[in-house]
Protein backbone atom coordinates (compact mmCIF):
# COMPACT_ATOMS: atom_id res chain seq x y z
CA MET A 1 -22.05 15.60 -34.22
CA SER A 2 -18.93 13.57 -33.80
CA ASP A 3 -19.10 10.58 -31.51
CA THR A 4 -15.89 11.67 -29.64
CA LEU A 5 -16.67 12.59 -26.37
CA TYR A 6 -13.62 14.71 -25.46
CA THR A 7 -12.24 16.51 -28.75
CA SER A 8 -8.70 17.87 -28.49
CA GLU A 9 -10.03 21.20 -28.00
CA ARG A 10 -12.50 20.51 -25.39
CA ILE A 11 -9.20 18.35 -23.46
CA THR A 12 -7.47 21.53 -23.74
CA GLU A 13 -10.18 23.73 -22.41
CA ILE A 14 -10.58 21.59 -19.25
CA MET A 15 -7.16 21.29 -18.52
CA LYS A 16 -6.58 25.07 -18.70
CA ASP A 17 -9.62 26.36 -17.03
CA PHE A 18 -8.95 23.80 -14.09
CA GLN A 19 -5.12 25.02 -14.26
CA GLN A 20 -6.73 28.60 -14.09
CA ALA A 21 -8.79 27.62 -11.02
CA LEU A 22 -6.20 26.31 -9.33
CA GLN A 23 -3.63 29.40 -9.52
CA ASN A 24 -6.60 31.50 -8.63
CA ALA A 25 -7.26 29.32 -5.81
CA ASP A 26 -3.04 29.50 -4.82
CA ASN A 27 -3.32 33.53 -5.29
CA PHE A 28 -5.90 33.68 -3.01
CA PRO A 29 -4.67 36.61 -0.10
CA LYS A 30 -3.97 35.17 2.88
CA ASN A 31 -5.32 38.00 5.11
CA ASP A 32 -8.74 37.96 3.20
CA ASP A 33 -12.16 36.48 5.07
CA PRO A 34 -12.22 32.69 4.61
CA LYS A 35 -15.51 33.17 3.30
CA ASN A 36 -14.54 34.56 0.10
CA TYR A 37 -13.02 31.20 -0.62
CA ARG A 38 -16.32 29.57 -1.57
CA GLN A 39 -15.37 31.17 -5.17
CA PHE A 40 -13.04 28.81 -5.34
CA TRP A 41 -15.30 25.87 -4.30
CA VAL A 42 -17.77 26.77 -6.85
CA SER A 43 -15.04 26.87 -9.55
CA PHE A 44 -13.76 23.23 -8.61
CA ARG A 45 -17.26 21.84 -8.68
CA GLY A 46 -17.39 22.82 -12.08
CA GLU A 47 -13.93 22.81 -13.60
CA GLY A 48 -13.10 19.66 -11.21
CA ALA A 49 -15.87 17.92 -12.46
CA SER A 50 -15.03 18.36 -16.03
CA LEU A 51 -11.86 16.88 -15.35
CA PHE A 52 -12.86 14.27 -13.41
CA GLY A 53 -15.22 13.06 -16.05
CA LEU A 54 -12.03 13.34 -18.58
CA THR A 55 -9.71 11.38 -16.42
CA ASN A 56 -13.13 8.50 -16.00
CA TYR A 57 -13.39 8.62 -19.73
CA LEU A 58 -9.02 8.04 -20.25
CA LEU A 59 -8.96 5.55 -18.17
CA LYS A 60 -12.14 3.50 -19.64
CA GLU A 61 -10.31 4.13 -23.05
CA THR A 62 -7.11 2.71 -21.77
CA SER A 63 -8.69 -0.34 -19.93
CA VAL A 64 -10.77 -1.11 -23.41
CA LYS A 65 -7.45 -1.13 -25.23
CA LYS A 66 -5.95 -3.45 -22.74
CA GLU A 67 -8.19 -5.48 -22.44
CA LYS A 68 -9.27 -6.15 -26.41
CA PRO A 69 -6.94 -7.45 -28.79
CA PRO A 70 -6.03 -5.34 -32.02
CA GLY A 71 -9.11 -6.05 -34.36
CA ALA A 72 -11.04 -7.87 -32.08
CA PHE A 73 -14.96 -7.59 -32.59
CA SER A 74 -17.17 -5.69 -30.46
CA THR A 75 -20.30 -5.72 -29.48
CA ASP A 76 -20.54 -2.42 -27.53
CA LYS A 77 -23.29 -0.23 -28.69
């Protein structure tokens, strides 16, 4: 197994899934029963959570790189 939590393929998958969920919600018919909107809430709980995790991971990676000078020794495990 790779040490990389988010491969480029996984990042692409997360972004495409979230984009599709947004498109589906955006195309929800205005005259449809509002209770039918639940499918989008469920979708955002899944795809939104993945995107949130990816964002937190990238923010952490960015802040770690800013804090440590190149070649610095790390004791992180």
